[in-house]
């Protein structure tokens, strides 16, 4: 699902969310499964990945950790 770019806060761009969503697809995980692995609610994960919710730094860190990916390079100041 494509999200509306204007909904994202300035510190996190569409590429970062797309990277997370591509990793989710590559891992064969549903939003529910990713939410469970990341310790987040389904609504939170679905909202972030569809552009309905702005993620916090902690949520981005948890998603990347759950997927076994590094935070995109330009956000390397977010520690995983």
PDB file of N, CA and C in Angstrom:
ATOM      1  N   UNK A   1       0.843  -1.170   0.000  1.00  0.00           N
ATOM      2  CA  UNK A   1       0.000   0.000   0.000  1.00  0.00           C
ATOM      3  C   UNK A   1       0.892   1.237   0.000  1.00  0.00           C
ATOM      4  N   UNK A   2       0.556   2.204  -0.806  1.00  0.00           N
ATOM      5  CA  UNK A   2       1.318   3.444  -0.883  1.00  0.00           C
ATOM      6  C   UNK A   2       0.718   4.441   0.093  1.00  0.00           C
ATOM      7  N   UNK A   3       1.588   5.105   0.836  1.00  0.00           N
ATOM      8  CA  UNK A   3       1.094   6.083   1.792  1.00  0.00           C
ATOM      9  C   UNK A   3       1.266   7.494   1.254  1.00  0.00           C
ATOM     10  N   UNK A   4       0.612   8.413   1.880  1.00  0.00           N
ATOM     11  CA  UNK A   4       0.650   9.812   1.464  1.00  0.00           C
ATOM     12  C   UNK A   4       1.875  10.491   2.054  1.00  0.00           C
ATOM     13  N   UNK A   5       2.835  10.910   1.216  1.00  0.00           N
ATOM     14  CA  UNK A   5       4.066  11.508   1.724  1.00  0.00           C
ATOM     15  C   UNK A   5       3.857  12.694   2.645  1.00  0.00           C
ATOM     16  N   UNK A   6       2.850  13.489   2.416  1.00  0.00           N
ATOM     17  CA  UNK A   6       2.659  14.693   3.220  1.00  0.00           C
ATOM     18  C   UNK A   6       2.341  14.380   4.677  1.00  0.00           C
ATOM     19  N   UNK A   7       1.995  13.129   4.987  1.00  0.00           N
ATOM     20  CA  UNK A   7       1.659  12.786   6.360  1.00  0.00           C
ATOM     21  C   UNK A   7       2.886  12.541   7.229  1.00  0.00           C
ATOM     22  N   UNK A   8       4.067  12.405   6.631  1.00  0.00           N
ATOM     23  CA  UNK A   8       5.263  12.046   7.395  1.00  0.00           C
ATOM     24  C   UNK A   8       5.962  13.268   7.965  1.00  0.00           C
ATOM     25  N   UNK A   9       6.463  13.123   9.183  1.00  0.00           N
ATOM     26  CA  UNK A   9       7.210  14.233   9.775  1.00  0.00           C
ATOM     27  C   UNK A   9       8.518  14.428   9.031  1.00  0.00           C
ATOM     28  N   UNK A  10       9.105  15.603   9.153  1.00  0.00           N
ATOM     29  CA  UNK A  10      10.305  15.943   8.416  1.00  0.00           C
ATOM     30  C   UNK A  10      11.507  15.049   8.660  1.00  0.00           C
ATOM     31  N   UNK A  11      11.629  14.451   9.829  1.00  0.00           N
ATOM     32  CA  UNK A  11      12.828  13.671  10.122  1.00  0.00           C
ATOM     33  C   UNK A  11      12.815  12.302   9.470  1.00  0.00           C
ATOM     34  N   UNK A  12      11.687  11.810   9.017  1.00  0.00           N
ATOM     35  CA  UNK A  12      11.609  10.470   8.441  1.00  0.00           C
ATOM     36  C   UNK A  12      10.920  10.552   7.095  1.00  0.00           C
ATOM     37  N   UNK A  13      11.647  10.142   6.045  1.00  0.00           N
ATOM     38  CA  UNK A  13      11.046  10.254   4.720  1.00  0.00           C
ATOM     39  C   UNK A  13      10.447   8.931   4.248  1.00  0.00           C
ATOM     40  N   UNK A  14       9.814   8.982   3.103  1.00  0.00           N
ATOM     41  CA  UNK A  14       9.140   7.811   2.543  1.00  0.00           C
ATOM     42  C   UNK A  14      10.101   6.649   2.309  1.00  0.00           C
ATOM     43  N   UNK A  15      11.339   6.946   1.922  1.00  0.00           N
ATOM     44  CA  UNK A  15      12.299   5.878   1.642  1.00  0.00           C
ATOM     45  C   UNK A  15      12.533   4.999   2.869  1.00  0.00           C
ATOM     46  N   UNK A  16      12.589   5.596   4.037  1.00  0.00           N
ATOM     47  CA  UNK A  16      12.818   4.818   5.253  1.00  0.00           C
ATOM     48  C   UNK A  16      11.653   3.883   5.520  1.00  0.00           C
ATOM     49  N   UNK A  17      10.436   4.364   5.387  1.00  0.00           N
ATOM     50  CA  UNK A  17       9.267   3.526   5.605  1.00  0.00           C
ATOM     51  C   UNK A  17       9.178   2.456   4.520  1.00  0.00           C
ATOM     52  N   UNK A  18       9.482   2.826   3.282  1.00  0.00           N
ATOM     53  CA  UNK A  18       9.464   1.840   2.200  1.00  0.00           C
ATOM     54  C   UNK A  18      10.512   0.758   2.425  1.00  0.00           C
ATOM     55  N   UNK A  19      11.673   1.115   2.954  1.00  0.00           N
ATOM     56  CA  UNK A  19      12.716   0.137   3.263  1.00  0.00           C
ATOM     57  C   UNK A  19      12.204  -0.863   4.298  1.00  0.00           C
ATOM     58  N   UNK A  20      11.549  -0.355   5.313  1.00  0.00           N
ATOM     59  CA  UNK A  20      10.995  -1.222   6.358  1.00  0.00           C
ATOM     60  C   UNK A  20       9.912  -2.125   5.769  1.00  0.00           C
ATOM     61  N   UNK A  21       9.029  -1.565   4.953  1.00  0.00           N
ATOM     62  CA  UNK A  21       7.944  -2.364   4.393  1.00  0.00           C
ATOM     63  C   UNK A  21       8.469  -3.411   3.411  1.00  0.00           C
ATOM     64  N   UNK A  22       9.482  -3.073   2.619  1.00  0.00           N
ATOM     65  CA  UNK A  22      10.092  -4.053   1.706  1.00  0.00           C
ATOM     66  C   UNK A  22      10.726  -5.191   2.493  1.00  0.00           C
ATOM     67  N   UNK A  23      11.377  -4.872   3.594  1.00  0.00           N
ATOM     68  CA  UNK A  23      11.984  -5.908   4.437  1.00  0.00           C
ATOM     69  C   UNK A  23      10.902  -6.801   5.037  1.00  0.00           C
ATOM     70  N   UNK A  24       9.782  -6.218   5.399  1.00  0.00           N
ATOM     71  CA  UNK A  24       8.662  -7.004   5.924  1.00  0.00           C
ATOM     72  C   UNK A  24       8.160  -7.987   4.879  1.00  0.00           C
ATOM     73  N   UNK A  25       7.979  -7.491   3.655  1.00  0.00           N
ATOM     74  CA  UNK A  25       7.525  -8.358   2.565  1.00  0.00           C
ATOM     75  C   UNK A  25       8.546  -9.460   2.290  1.00  0.00           C
ATOM     76  N   UNK A  26       9.828  -9.097   2.254  1.00  0.00           N
ATOM     77  CA  UNK A  26      10.890 -10.074   1.991  1.00  0.00           C
ATOM     78  C   UNK A  26      10.931 -11.165   3.060  1.00  0.00           C
ATOM     79  N   UNK A  27      10.613 -10.786   4.285  1.00  0.00           N
ATOM     80  CA  UNK A  27      10.593 -11.752   5.386  1.00  0.00           C
ATOM     81  C   UNK A  27       9.297 -12.571   5.406  1.00  0.00           C
ATOM     82  N   UNK A  28       8.344 -12.196   4.555  1.00  0.00           N
ATOM     83  CA  UNK A  28       7.080 -12.911   4.495  1.00  0.00           C
ATOM     84  C   UNK A  28       6.186 -12.681   5.702  1.00  0.00           C
ATOM     85  N   UNK A  29       6.337 -11.511   6.315  1.00  0.00           N
ATOM     86  CA  UNK A  29       5.571 -11.199   7.519  1.00  0.00           C
ATOM     87  C   UNK A  29       4.348 -10.339   7.205  1.00  0.00           C
ATOM     88  N   UNK A  30       3.272 -10.613   7.904  1.00  0.00           N
ATOM     89  CA  UNK A  30       2.101  -9.746   7.848  1.00  0.00           C
ATOM     90  C   UNK A  30       2.310  -8.594   8.830  1.00  0.00           C
ATOM     91  N   UNK A  31       1.435  -7.622   8.769  1.00  0.00           N
ATOM     92  CA  UNK A  31       1.496  -6.533   9.757  1.00  0.00           C
ATOM     93  C   UNK A  31       1.352  -7.103  11.166  1.00  0.00           C
ATOM     94  N   UNK A  32       0.473  -8.081  11.325  1.00  0.00           N
ATOM     95  CA  UNK A  32       0.269  -8.707  12.641  1.00  0.00           C
ATOM     96  C   UNK A  32       1.547  -9.372  13.144  1.00  0.00           C
ATOM     97  N   UNK A  33       2.194 -10.132  12.263  1.00  0.00           N
ATOM     98  CA  UNK A  33       3.412 -10.843  12.656  1.00  0.00           C
ATOM     99  C   UNK A  33       4.543  -9.880  12.993  1.00  0.00           C
ATOM    100  N   UNK A  34       4.694  -8.826  12.189  1.00  0.00           N
ATOM    101  CA  UNK A  34       5.730  -7.835  12.471  1.00  0.00           C
ATOM    102  C   UNK A  34       5.440  -7.130  13.791  1.00  0.00           C
ATOM    103  N   UNK A  35       4.195  -6.804  14.022  1.00  0.00           N
ATOM    104  CA  UNK A  35       3.822  -6.148  15.277  1.00  0.00           C
ATOM    105  C   UNK A  35       4.215  -7.013  16.468  1.00  0.00           C
ATOM    106  N   UNK A  36       3.950  -8.309  16.383  1.00  0.00           N
ATOM    107  CA  UNK A  36       4.291  -9.225  17.460  1.00  0.00           C
ATOM    108  C   UNK A  36       5.806  -9.277  17.674  1.00  0.00           C
ATOM    109  N   UNK A  37       6.559  -9.399  16.594  1.00  0.00           N
ATOM    110  CA  UNK A  37       8.027  -9.458  16.705  1.00  0.00           C
ATOM    111  C   UNK A  37       8.616  -8.166  17.259  1.00  0.00           C
ATOM    112  N   UNK A  38       8.015  -7.043  16.905  1.00  0.00           N
ATOM    113  CA  UNK A  38       8.530  -5.740  17.327  1.00  0.00           C
ATOM    114  C   UNK A  38       8.006  -5.303  18.692  1.00  0.00           C
ATOM    115  N   UNK A  39       7.042  -6.044  19.230  1.00  0.00           N
ATOM    116  CA  UNK A  39       6.456  -5.650  20.505  1.00  0.00           C
ATOM    117  C   UNK A  39       5.587  -4.406  20.393  1.00  0.00           C
ATOM    118  N   UNK A  40       4.960  -4.247  19.232  1.00  0.00           N
ATOM    119  CA  UNK A  40       4.081  -3.106  18.988  1.00  0.00           C
ATOM    120  C   UNK A  40       2.683  -3.625  18.674  1.00  0.00           C
ATOM    121  N   UNK A  41       1.709  -2.777  18.790  1.00  0.00           N
ATOM    122  CA  UNK A  41       0.348  -3.162  18.444  1.00  0.00           C
ATOM    123  C   UNK A  41       0.164  -3.233  16.936  1.00  0.00           C
ATOM    124  N   UNK A  42      -0.761  -4.097  16.514  1.00  0.00           N
ATOM    125  CA  UNK A  42      -1.054  -4.223  15.084  1.00  0.00           C
ATOM    126  C   UNK A  42      -1.452  -2.873  14.484  1.00  0.00           C
ATOM    127  N   UNK A  43      -2.324  -2.140  15.160  1.00  0.00           N
ATOM    128  CA  UNK A  43      -2.782  -0.854  14.650  1.00  0.00           C
ATOM    129  C   UNK A  43      -1.649   0.136  14.469  1.00  0.00           C
ATOM    130  N   UNK A  44      -0.675   0.076  15.363  1.00  0.00           N
ATOM    131  CA  UNK A  44       0.481   0.960  15.267  1.00  0.00           C
ATOM    132  C   UNK A  44       1.295   0.631  14.027  1.00  0.00           C
ATOM    133  N   UNK A  45       1.615  -0.644  13.846  1.00  0.00           N
ATOM    134  CA  UNK A  45       2.422  -1.051  12.693  1.00  0.00           C
ATOM    135  C   UNK A  45       1.683  -0.770  11.385  1.00  0.00           C
ATOM    136  N   UNK A  46       0.433  -1.164  11.315  1.00  0.00           N
ATOM    137  CA  UNK A  46      -0.347  -0.914  10.104  1.00  0.00           C
ATOM    138  C   UNK A  46      -0.448   0.585   9.827  1.00  0.00           C
ATOM    139  N   UNK A  47      -0.654   1.375  10.878  1.00  0.00           N
ATOM    140  CA  UNK A  47      -0.745   2.823  10.711  1.00  0.00           C
ATOM    141  C   UNK A  47       0.538   3.436  10.206  1.00  0.00           C
ATOM    142  N   UNK A  48       1.675   2.987  10.728  1.00  0.00           N
ATOM    143  CA  UNK A  48       2.973   3.505  10.290  1.00  0.00           C
ATOM    144  C   UNK A  48       3.219   3.142   8.833  1.00  0.00           C
ATOM    145  N   UNK A  49       2.999   1.872   8.489  1.00  0.00           N
ATOM    146  CA  UNK A  49       3.337   1.407   7.149  1.00  0.00           C
ATOM    147  C   UNK A  49       2.360   1.860   6.073  1.00  0.00           C
ATOM    148  N   UNK A  50       1.216   2.352   6.481  1.00  0.00           N
ATOM    149  CA  UNK A  50       0.255   2.869   5.505  1.00  0.00           C
ATOM    150  C   UNK A  50       0.149   4.395   5.536  1.00  0.00           C
ATOM    151  N   UNK A  51       0.921   5.038   6.397  1.00  0.00           N
ATOM    152  CA  UNK A  51       0.949   6.487   6.426  1.00  0.00           C
ATOM    153  C   UNK A  51      -0.111   7.148   7.269  1.00  0.00           C
ATOM    154  N   UNK A  52      -0.827   6.382   8.053  1.00  0.00           N
ATOM    155  CA  UNK A  52      -1.870   6.970   8.906  1.00  0.00           C
ATOM    156  C   UNK A  52      -1.345   7.404  10.260  1.00  0.00           C
ATOM    157  N   UNK A  53      -0.125   6.976  10.602  1.00  0.00           N
ATOM    158  CA  UNK A  53       0.434   7.286  11.914  1.00  0.00           C
ATOM    159  C   UNK A  53       1.909   7.656  11.760  1.00  0.00           C
ATOM    160  N   UNK A  54       2.324   8.665  12.496  1.00  0.00           N
ATOM    161  CA  UNK A  54       3.724   9.070  12.517  1.00  0.00           C
ATOM    162  C   UNK A  54       4.471   8.191  13.513  1.00  0.00           C
ATOM    163  N   UNK A  55       5.555   7.552  13.083  1.00  0.00           N
ATOM    164  CA  UNK A  55       6.304   6.707  14.016  1.00  0.00           C
ATOM    165  C   UNK A  55       7.189   7.525  14.936  1.00  0.00           C
ATOM    166  N   UNK A  56       7.417   6.985  16.114  1.00  0.00           N
ATOM    167  CA  UNK A  56       8.405   7.574  17.015  1.00  0.00           C
ATOM    168  C   UNK A  56       9.759   6.953  16.679  1.00  0.00           C
ATOM    169  N   UNK A  57      10.809   7.533  17.207  1.00  0.00           N
ATOM    170  CA  UNK A  57      12.139   6.958  17.010  1.00  0.00           C
ATOM    171  C   UNK A  57      12.201   5.537  17.551  1.00  0.00           C
ATOM    172  N   UNK A  58      11.597   5.313  18.700  1.00  0.00           N
ATOM    173  CA  UNK A  58      11.595   3.983  19.308  1.00  0.00           C
ATOM    174  C   UNK A  58      10.859   2.977  18.434  1.00  0.00           C
ATOM    175  N   UNK A  59       9.764   3.367  17.839  1.00  0.00           N
ATOM    176  CA  UNK A  59       9.020   2.462  16.967  1.00  0.00           C
ATOM    177  C   UNK A  59       9.834   2.088  15.734  1.00  0.00           C
ATOM    178  N   UNK A  60      10.523   3.049  15.144  1.00  0.00           N
ATOM    179  CA  UNK A  60      11.385   2.763  13.990  1.00  0.00           C
ATOM    180  C   UNK A  60      12.498   1.803  14.399  1.00  0.00           C
ATOM    181  N   UNK A  61      13.099   2.038  15.550  1.00  0.00           N
ATOM    182  CA  UNK A  61      14.157   1.162  16.041  1.00  0.00           C
ATOM    183  C   UNK A  61      13.631  -0.256  16.240  1.00  0.00           C
ATOM    184  N   UNK A  62      12.474  -0.390  16.852  1.00  0.00           N
ATOM    185  CA  UNK A  62      11.890  -1.714  17.102  1.00  0.00           C
ATOM    186  C   UNK A  62      11.568  -2.450  15.809  1.00  0.00           C
ATOM    187  N   UNK A  63      11.012  -1.734  14.842  1.00  0.00           N
ATOM    188  CA  UNK A  63      10.685  -2.358  13.564  1.00  0.00           C
ATOM    189  C   UNK A  63      11.942  -2.864  12.863  1.00  0.00           C
ATOM    190  N   UNK A  64      12.974  -2.036  12.826  1.00  0.00           N
ATOM    191  CA  UNK A  64      14.222  -2.439  12.170  1.00  0.00           C
ATOM    192  C   UNK A  64      14.869  -3.617  12.892  1.00  0.00           C
ATOM    193  N   UNK A  65      14.874  -3.578  14.206  1.00  0.00           N
ATOM    194  CA  UNK A  65      15.446  -4.677  14.986  1.00  0.00           C
ATOM    195  C   UNK A  65      14.671  -5.971  14.735  1.00  0.00           C
ATOM    196  N   UNK A  66      13.349  -5.892  14.731  1.00  0.00           N
ATOM    197  CA  UNK A  66      12.518  -7.078  14.509  1.00  0.00           C
ATOM    198  C   UNK A  66      12.754  -7.677  13.128  1.00  0.00           C
ATOM    199  N   UNK A  67      13.077  -6.834  12.158  1.00  0.00           N
ATOM    200  CA  UNK A  67      13.304  -7.300  10.802  1.00  0.00           C
ATOM    201  C   UNK A  67      14.767  -7.679  10.546  1.00  0.00           C
ATOM    202  N   UNK A  68      15.626  -7.397  11.521  1.00  0.00           N
ATOM    203  CA  UNK A  68      17.041  -7.712  11.351  1.00  0.00           C
ATOM    204  C   UNK A  68      17.727  -6.836  10.333  1.00  0.00           C
ATOM    205  N   UNK A  69      17.242  -5.615  10.201  1.00  0.00           N
ATOM    206  CA  UNK A  69      17.855  -4.675   9.257  1.00  0.00           C
ATOM    207  C   UNK A  69      18.416  -3.487  10.019  1.00  0.00           C
ATOM    208  N   UNK A  70      19.355  -2.832   9.377  1.00  0.00           N
ATOM    209  CA  UNK A  70      19.893  -1.599   9.939  1.00  0.00           C
ATOM    210  C   UNK A  70      18.929  -0.471   9.628  1.00  0.00           C
ATOM    211  N   UNK A  71      18.908   0.478  10.500  1.00  0.00           N
ATOM    212  CA  UNK A  71      18.149   1.694  10.218  1.00  0.00           C
ATOM    213  C   UNK A  71      18.795   2.305   8.978  1.00  0.00           C
ATOM    214  N   UNK A  72      18.003   2.788   8.011  1.00  0.00           N
ATOM    215  CA  UNK A  72      18.598   3.392   6.815  1.00  0.00           C
ATOM    216  C   UNK A  72      19.712   4.377   7.179  1.00  0.00           C
ATOM    217  N   UNK A  73      20.781   4.365   6.387  1.00  0.00           N
ATOM    218  CA  UNK A  73      22.024   5.080   6.702  1.00  0.00           C
ATOM    219  C   UNK A  73      21.824   6.526   7.142  1.00  0.00           C
ATOM    220  N   UNK A  74      20.935   7.239   6.507  1.00  0.00           N
ATOM    221  CA  UNK A  74      20.778   8.655   6.870  1.00  0.00           C
ATOM    222  C   UNK A  74      20.133   8.832   8.251  1.00  0.00           C
ATOM    223  N   UNK A  75      19.642   7.727   8.819  1.00  0.00           N
ATOM    224  CA  UNK A  75      19.069   7.759  10.161  1.00  0.00           C
ATOM    225  C   UNK A  75      19.919   6.959  11.130  1.00  0.00           C
ATOM    226  N   UNK A  76      21.206   6.853  10.853  1.00  0.00           N
ATOM    227  CA  UNK A  76      22.091   6.020  11.665  1.00  0.00           C
ATOM    228  C   UNK A  76      22.196   6.524  13.104  1.00  0.00           C
ATOM    229  N   UNK A  77      21.766   7.719  13.373  1.00  0.00           N
ATOM    230  CA  UNK A  77      21.773   8.241  14.742  1.00  0.00           C
ATOM    231  C   UNK A  77      20.700   7.547  15.599  1.00  0.00           C
ATOM    232  N   UNK A  78      19.796   6.777  14.948  1.00  0.00           N
ATOM    233  CA  UNK A  78      18.838   5.959  15.696  1.00  0.00           C
ATOM    234  C   UNK A  78      19.532   4.634  15.950  1.00  0.00           C
ATOM    235  N   UNK A  79      19.859   4.358  17.164  1.00  0.00           N
ATOM    236  CA  UNK A  79      20.591   3.131  17.502  1.00  0.00           C
ATOM    237  C   UNK A  79      19.662   1.931  17.539  1.00  0.00           C
ATOM    238  N   UNK A  80      20.103   0.816  16.916  1.00  0.00           N
ATOM    239  CA  UNK A  80      19.323  -0.426  16.998  1.00  0.00           C
ATOM    240  C   UNK A  80      19.989  -1.356  17.967  1.00  0.00           C
TER     241      UNK A  80
END
